[in-house]
Amino acid sequence: MKLNGPKLLVGIVCRLIRPSVNVYTEFPEQQGKVNVLYCYATGFYPGDIEVTFYLNGQKSTVKAETSDLMYGEDWTFRVYKYMNITPQYGDKYTCEVRHSSMVEPKMTEWKSSLYKVWLKIA
């Protein structure tokens, strides 16, 4: 019986798989309340990846933390980056993900769902 191990290994090493990206908050959004914004990249290969946050089109200056690189049974990787935010009306956060499987970075937005309330007092 001949083993196909090396061929299988070459197939795993040579493939490029694009990440799926989700951006979400830890808690329901409230104006003026601190929350945590997550950017979760999953299902990518190889493991080298860059994740960057933007606020209203500008690179965020808020300190962000990155999880350890994790992998699943299918040998693809996942990682998340997170930072504290205090959402305001009209804020738009963007998570930029750069990976060798993509020619252009993937930009995934999270927009504040807060809205202004206008009161007319007669």
N, C-alpha and C. Protein backbone atom coordinates (compact mmCIF):
# COMPACT_ATOMS: atom_id res chain seq x y z
N MET A 1 0.84 -1.19 0.00
CA MET A 1 0.00 0.00 0.00
C MET A 1 0.88 1.25 0.00
N LYS A 2 0.58 2.17 -0.91
CA LYS A 2 1.36 3.40 -1.03
C LYS A 2 0.63 4.54 -0.32
N LEU A 3 1.33 5.27 0.51
CA LEU A 3 0.72 6.39 1.24
C LEU A 3 0.72 7.65 0.39
N ASN A 4 -0.31 8.43 0.51
CA ASN A 4 -0.42 9.68 -0.23
C ASN A 4 -0.09 10.89 0.63
N GLY A 5 0.61 10.67 1.72
CA GLY A 5 0.92 11.74 2.66
C GLY A 5 1.59 12.95 2.05
N PRO A 6 2.72 12.79 1.33
CA PRO A 6 3.38 13.98 0.78
C PRO A 6 2.50 14.77 -0.18
N LYS A 7 1.72 14.09 -1.00
CA LYS A 7 0.84 14.81 -1.93
C LYS A 7 -0.21 15.61 -1.16
N LEU A 8 -0.74 15.03 -0.11
CA LEU A 8 -1.72 15.72 0.71
C LEU A 8 -1.09 16.93 1.37
N LEU A 9 0.09 16.78 1.91
CA LEU A 9 0.78 17.88 2.56
C LEU A 9 1.04 19.02 1.58
N VAL A 10 1.48 18.71 0.37
CA VAL A 10 1.71 19.74 -0.64
C VAL A 10 0.41 20.48 -0.94
N GLY A 11 -0.70 19.77 -1.01
CA GLY A 11 -2.00 20.39 -1.25
C GLY A 11 -2.38 21.36 -0.16
N ILE A 12 -2.06 21.04 1.06
CA ILE A 12 -2.39 21.92 2.19
C ILE A 12 -1.49 23.14 2.19
N VAL A 13 -0.19 22.94 1.96
CA VAL A 13 0.78 24.02 2.04
C VAL A 13 0.58 25.05 0.92
N CYS A 14 0.17 24.63 -0.27
CA CYS A 14 0.11 25.51 -1.43
C CYS A 14 -1.21 26.28 -1.57
N ARG A 15 -2.21 25.95 -0.82
CA ARG A 15 -3.50 26.61 -1.03
C ARG A 15 -3.57 27.97 -0.32
N LEU A 16 -4.32 28.86 -0.92
CA LEU A 16 -4.60 30.16 -0.32
C LEU A 16 -6.10 30.25 -0.13
N ILE A 17 -6.52 30.52 1.09
CA ILE A 17 -7.95 30.61 1.38
C ILE A 17 -8.24 31.98 1.98
N ARG A 18 -9.20 32.68 1.38
CA ARG A 18 -9.57 34.03 1.84
C ARG A 18 -10.32 33.99 3.17
N PRO A 19 -10.07 34.99 4.00
CA PRO A 19 -10.80 35.05 5.28
C PRO A 19 -12.22 35.56 5.11
N SER A 20 -13.10 35.09 5.96
CA SER A 20 -14.42 35.70 6.15
C SER A 20 -14.24 36.69 7.30
N VAL A 21 -14.90 37.84 7.22
CA VAL A 21 -14.70 38.88 8.22
C VAL A 21 -16.05 39.35 8.76
N ASN A 22 -16.15 39.43 10.08
CA ASN A 22 -17.34 39.97 10.75
C ASN A 22 -16.91 41.03 11.74
N VAL A 23 -17.68 42.11 11.81
CA VAL A 23 -17.42 43.19 12.77
C VAL A 23 -18.68 43.36 13.61
N TYR A 24 -18.50 43.39 14.92
CA TYR A 24 -19.66 43.46 15.82
C TYR A 24 -19.22 44.02 17.18
N THR A 25 -20.22 44.45 17.97
CA THR A 25 -19.94 44.94 19.32
C THR A 25 -20.29 43.87 20.34
N GLU A 26 -19.66 43.99 21.50
CA GLU A 26 -19.91 43.02 22.57
C GLU A 26 -21.29 43.20 23.18
N PHE A 27 -21.70 44.46 23.33
CA PHE A 27 -22.98 44.76 23.97
C PHE A 27 -23.87 45.57 23.02
N PRO A 28 -25.18 45.60 23.27
CA PRO A 28 -26.04 46.50 22.49
C PRO A 28 -25.53 47.94 22.64
N GLU A 29 -25.61 48.68 21.59
CA GLU A 29 -25.03 50.01 21.53
C GLU A 29 -25.86 51.04 22.30
N GLN A 30 -25.14 51.90 23.05
CA GLN A 30 -25.77 53.01 23.78
C GLN A 30 -24.85 54.22 23.64
N GLN A 31 -25.43 55.37 23.28
CA GLN A 31 -24.62 56.57 23.11
C GLN A 31 -23.91 56.92 24.41
N GLY A 32 -22.62 57.22 24.28
CA GLY A 32 -21.82 57.64 25.42
C GLY A 32 -21.37 56.51 26.33
N LYS A 33 -21.76 55.28 26.05
CA LYS A 33 -21.38 54.12 26.87
C LYS A 33 -20.24 53.37 26.19
N VAL A 34 -19.23 53.01 26.96
CA VAL A 34 -18.10 52.25 26.43
C VAL A 34 -18.57 50.86 26.00
N ASN A 35 -18.08 50.42 24.87
CA ASN A 35 -18.40 49.10 24.33
C ASN A 35 -17.11 48.51 23.78
N VAL A 36 -17.16 47.29 23.31
CA VAL A 36 -15.99 46.65 22.70
C VAL A 36 -16.36 46.28 21.27
N LEU A 37 -15.53 46.72 20.32
CA LEU A 37 -15.73 46.40 18.91
C LEU A 37 -14.77 45.28 18.52
N TYR A 38 -15.32 44.25 17.90
CA TYR A 38 -14.53 43.09 17.47
C TYR A 38 -14.47 43.02 15.95
N CYS A 39 -13.33 42.63 15.44
CA CYS A 39 -13.18 42.25 14.04
C CYS A 39 -12.68 40.81 14.05
N TYR A 40 -13.50 39.91 13.52
CA TYR A 40 -13.24 38.47 13.60
C TYR A 40 -13.00 37.93 12.20
N ALA A 41 -11.78 37.49 11.94
CA ALA A 41 -11.42 36.92 10.63
C ALA A 41 -11.29 35.40 10.79
N THR A 42 -11.99 34.65 9.95
CA THR A 42 -12.02 33.20 10.09
C THR A 42 -11.80 32.50 8.75
N GLY A 43 -11.39 31.23 8.84
CA GLY A 43 -11.33 30.35 7.68
C GLY A 43 -10.25 30.69 6.67
N PHE A 44 -9.13 31.29 7.09
CA PHE A 44 -8.09 31.68 6.13
C PHE A 44 -6.85 30.79 6.25
N TYR A 45 -6.09 30.77 5.16
CA TYR A 45 -4.83 30.03 5.12
C TYR A 45 -3.95 30.68 4.06
N PRO A 46 -2.67 30.89 4.30
CA PRO A 46 -1.90 30.62 5.51
C PRO A 46 -2.23 31.60 6.64
N GLY A 47 -1.50 31.48 7.74
CA GLY A 47 -1.85 32.20 8.96
C GLY A 47 -1.43 33.65 9.04
N ASP A 48 -0.58 34.14 8.14
CA ASP A 48 -0.16 35.55 8.20
C ASP A 48 -1.31 36.45 7.78
N ILE A 49 -1.64 37.42 8.64
CA ILE A 49 -2.77 38.30 8.37
C ILE A 49 -2.55 39.61 9.11
N GLU A 50 -3.06 40.71 8.55
CA GLU A 50 -3.02 42.02 9.20
C GLU A 50 -4.44 42.53 9.37
N VAL A 51 -4.75 43.02 10.56
CA VAL A 51 -6.08 43.56 10.86
C VAL A 51 -5.90 44.97 11.42
N THR A 52 -6.59 45.95 10.82
CA THR A 52 -6.47 47.35 11.22
C THR A 52 -7.85 47.97 11.34
N PHE A 53 -8.06 48.79 12.39
CA PHE A 53 -9.32 49.51 12.57
C PHE A 53 -9.21 50.94 12.05
N TYR A 54 -10.31 51.44 11.48
CA TYR A 54 -10.44 52.83 11.06
C TYR A 54 -11.71 53.40 11.67
N LEU A 55 -11.67 54.70 12.01
CA LEU A 55 -12.85 55.41 12.50
C LEU A 55 -13.09 56.57 11.55
N ASN A 56 -14.26 56.56 10.91
CA ASN A 56 -14.64 57.62 9.97
C ASN A 56 -13.56 57.88 8.92
N GLY A 57 -12.97 56.80 8.41
CA GLY A 57 -11.99 56.89 7.33
C GLY A 57 -10.55 57.10 7.75
N GLN A 58 -10.31 57.34 9.03
CA GLN A 58 -8.95 57.56 9.52
C GLN A 58 -8.51 56.37 10.38
N LYS A 59 -7.23 56.02 10.27
CA LYS A 59 -6.71 54.92 11.07
C LYS A 59 -6.94 55.23 12.55
N SER A 60 -7.51 54.28 13.26
CA SER A 60 -7.83 54.49 14.67
C SER A 60 -6.56 54.60 15.51
N THR A 61 -6.59 55.54 16.46
CA THR A 61 -5.46 55.71 17.37
C THR A 61 -5.70 55.01 18.70
N VAL A 62 -6.88 54.39 18.84
CA VAL A 62 -7.21 53.67 20.07
C VAL A 62 -6.42 52.36 20.11
N LYS A 63 -5.89 52.05 21.28
CA LYS A 63 -5.13 50.80 21.42
C LYS A 63 -6.05 49.61 21.19
N ALA A 64 -5.62 48.71 20.32
CA ALA A 64 -6.39 47.49 20.02
C ALA A 64 -5.55 46.27 20.39
N GLU A 65 -6.22 45.23 20.81
CA GLU A 65 -5.57 43.97 21.17
C GLU A 65 -5.90 42.93 20.11
N THR A 66 -4.97 42.01 19.89
CA THR A 66 -5.17 40.92 18.93
C THR A 66 -5.07 39.59 19.65
N SER A 67 -5.99 38.69 19.35
CA SER A 67 -5.96 37.36 19.96
C SER A 67 -4.79 36.56 19.40
N ASP A 68 -4.50 35.45 20.06
CA ASP A 68 -3.55 34.50 19.48
C ASP A 68 -4.16 33.93 18.21
N LEU A 69 -3.32 33.51 17.29
CA LEU A 69 -3.78 32.86 16.07
C LEU A 69 -4.28 31.47 16.44
N MET A 70 -5.50 31.15 16.03
CA MET A 70 -6.10 29.85 16.34
C MET A 70 -6.35 29.10 15.04
N TYR A 71 -6.39 27.78 15.11
CA TYR A 71 -6.70 27.01 13.91
C TYR A 71 -7.69 25.91 14.25
N GLY A 72 -8.42 25.49 13.21
CA GLY A 72 -9.44 24.47 13.38
C GLY A 72 -9.02 23.14 12.79
N GLU A 73 -9.95 22.21 12.82
CA GLU A 73 -9.69 20.86 12.31
C GLU A 73 -9.41 20.85 10.81
N ASP A 74 -9.88 21.85 10.08
CA ASP A 74 -9.64 21.91 8.64
C ASP A 74 -8.34 22.65 8.30
N TRP A 75 -7.54 22.97 9.30
CA TRP A 75 -6.24 23.63 9.17
C TRP A 75 -6.34 25.08 8.71
N THR A 76 -7.52 25.66 8.74
CA THR A 76 -7.62 27.09 8.47
C THR A 76 -7.50 27.83 9.79
N PHE A 77 -7.21 29.10 9.71
CA PHE A 77 -6.94 29.90 10.89
C PHE A 77 -8.08 30.88 11.18
N ARG A 78 -8.05 31.40 12.40
CA ARG A 78 -8.97 32.46 12.80
C ARG A 78 -8.25 33.34 13.83
N VAL A 79 -8.65 34.59 13.84
CA VAL A 79 -8.07 35.55 14.76
C VAL A 79 -9.08 36.68 14.95
N TYR A 80 -9.03 37.35 16.09
CA TYR A 80 -9.87 38.53 16.25
C TYR A 80 -9.05 39.66 16.87
N LYS A 81 -9.46 40.86 16.52
CA LYS A 81 -8.86 42.07 17.07
C LYS A 81 -9.99 42.84 17.70
N TYR A 82 -9.73 43.51 18.81
CA TYR A 82 -10.79 44.23 19.50
C TYR A 82 -10.24 45.49 20.16
N MET A 83 -11.15 46.45 20.33
CA MET A 83 -10.79 47.70 21.00
C MET A 83 -12.02 48.30 21.66
N ASN A 84 -11.78 49.12 22.67
CA ASN A 84 -12.87 49.84 23.32
C ASN A 84 -13.30 51.00 22.43
N ILE A 85 -14.61 51.20 22.35
CA ILE A 85 -15.16 52.33 21.61
C ILE A 85 -16.25 52.98 22.46
N THR A 86 -16.52 54.23 22.18
CA THR A 86 -17.67 54.93 22.76
C THR A 86 -18.46 55.47 21.57
N PRO A 87 -19.44 54.71 21.08
CA PRO A 87 -20.14 55.08 19.85
C PRO A 87 -20.86 56.42 19.96
N GLN A 88 -20.76 57.20 18.90
CA GLN A 88 -21.47 58.47 18.78
C GLN A 88 -22.30 58.43 17.50
N TYR A 89 -23.29 59.29 17.42
CA TYR A 89 -24.14 59.38 16.24
C TYR A 89 -23.28 59.55 14.99
N GLY A 90 -23.52 58.73 13.98
CA GLY A 90 -22.84 58.86 12.69
C GLY A 90 -21.48 58.19 12.59
N ASP A 91 -20.96 57.63 13.67
CA ASP A 91 -19.65 56.98 13.61
C ASP A 91 -19.68 55.78 12.67
N LYS A 92 -18.59 55.64 11.90
CA LYS A 92 -18.44 54.48 11.02
C LYS A 92 -17.06 53.88 11.28
N TYR A 93 -17.05 52.66 11.80
CA TYR A 93 -15.81 51.94 12.03
C TYR A 93 -15.61 50.96 10.88
N THR A 94 -14.36 50.81 10.46
CA THR A 94 -14.03 49.88 9.39
C THR A 94 -12.91 48.98 9.86
N CYS A 95 -13.05 47.71 9.56
CA CYS A 95 -12.00 46.74 9.82
C CYS A 95 -11.36 46.39 8.48
N GLU A 96 -10.07 46.66 8.37
CA GLU A 96 -9.32 46.33 7.15
C GLU A 96 -8.54 45.05 7.41
N VAL A 97 -8.72 44.07 6.53
CA VAL A 97 -8.00 42.80 6.64
C VAL A 97 -7.15 42.61 5.39
N ARG A 98 -5.86 42.40 5.60
CA ARG A 98 -4.93 42.12 4.51
C ARG A 98 -4.41 40.70 4.66
N HIS A 99 -4.48 39.94 3.55
CA HIS A 99 -4.06 38.54 3.56
C HIS A 99 -3.51 38.18 2.18
N SER A 100 -2.58 37.25 2.14
CA SER A 100 -1.92 36.87 0.88
C SER A 100 -2.87 36.27 -0.15
N SER A 101 -4.06 35.85 0.27
CA SER A 101 -5.04 35.28 -0.66
C SER A 101 -5.81 36.35 -1.43
N MET A 102 -5.61 37.63 -1.06
CA MET A 102 -6.39 38.71 -1.67
C MET A 102 -5.47 39.74 -2.31
N VAL A 103 -5.86 40.24 -3.48
CA VAL A 103 -5.11 41.29 -4.14
C VAL A 103 -5.34 42.62 -3.43
N GLU A 104 -6.58 42.88 -3.06
CA GLU A 104 -6.96 44.11 -2.34
C GLU A 104 -7.39 43.75 -0.92
N PRO A 105 -7.19 44.66 0.03
CA PRO A 105 -7.66 44.37 1.39
C PRO A 105 -9.18 44.29 1.44
N LYS A 106 -9.68 43.54 2.40
CA LYS A 106 -11.13 43.44 2.61
C LYS A 106 -11.51 44.47 3.67
N MET A 107 -12.47 45.34 3.32
CA MET A 107 -12.93 46.38 4.23
C MET A 107 -14.34 46.03 4.68
N THR A 108 -14.53 45.87 5.98
CA THR A 108 -15.84 45.52 6.53
C THR A 108 -16.24 46.61 7.51
N GLU A 109 -17.43 47.19 7.31
CA GLU A 109 -17.87 48.33 8.12
C GLU A 109 -18.82 47.94 9.24
N TRP A 110 -18.74 48.74 10.30
CA TRP A 110 -19.74 48.71 11.36
C TRP A 110 -20.15 50.16 11.57
N LYS A 111 -21.43 50.45 11.38
CA LYS A 111 -21.93 51.81 11.54
C LYS A 111 -22.76 51.90 12.81
N SER A 112 -22.63 53.01 13.48
CA SER A 112 -23.45 53.27 14.65
C SER A 112 -24.91 53.35 14.23
N SER A 113 -25.75 52.68 14.97
CA SER A 113 -27.19 52.74 14.67
C SER A 113 -27.87 53.83 15.50
N LEU A 114 -27.06 54.60 16.22
CA LEU A 114 -27.63 55.69 17.02
C LEU A 114 -28.16 56.77 16.08
N TYR A 115 -29.18 57.44 16.50
CA TYR A 115 -29.77 58.49 15.68
C TYR A 115 -30.08 59.69 16.56
N LYS A 116 -30.13 60.84 15.91
CA LYS A 116 -30.45 62.06 16.64
C LYS A 116 -31.95 62.13 16.84
N VAL A 117 -32.33 62.61 17.99
CA VAL A 117 -33.74 62.83 18.28
C VAL A 117 -33.95 64.34 18.36
N TRP A 118 -34.86 64.82 17.53
CA TRP A 118 -35.17 66.25 17.52
C TRP A 118 -36.48 66.46 18.27
N LEU A 119 -36.44 67.32 19.24
CA LEU A 119 -37.65 67.66 19.99
C LEU A 119 -38.05 69.09 19.66
N LYS A 120 -39.31 69.26 19.35
CA LYS A 120 -39.82 70.60 19.11
C LYS A 120 -40.74 70.94 20.27
N ILE A 121 -40.37 71.96 20.97
CA ILE A 121 -41.18 72.39 22.11
C ILE A 121 -41.96 73.63 21.68
N ALA A 122 -43.27 73.52 21.72
CA ALA A 122 -44.12 74.62 21.27
C ALA A 122 -44.57 75.46 22.44
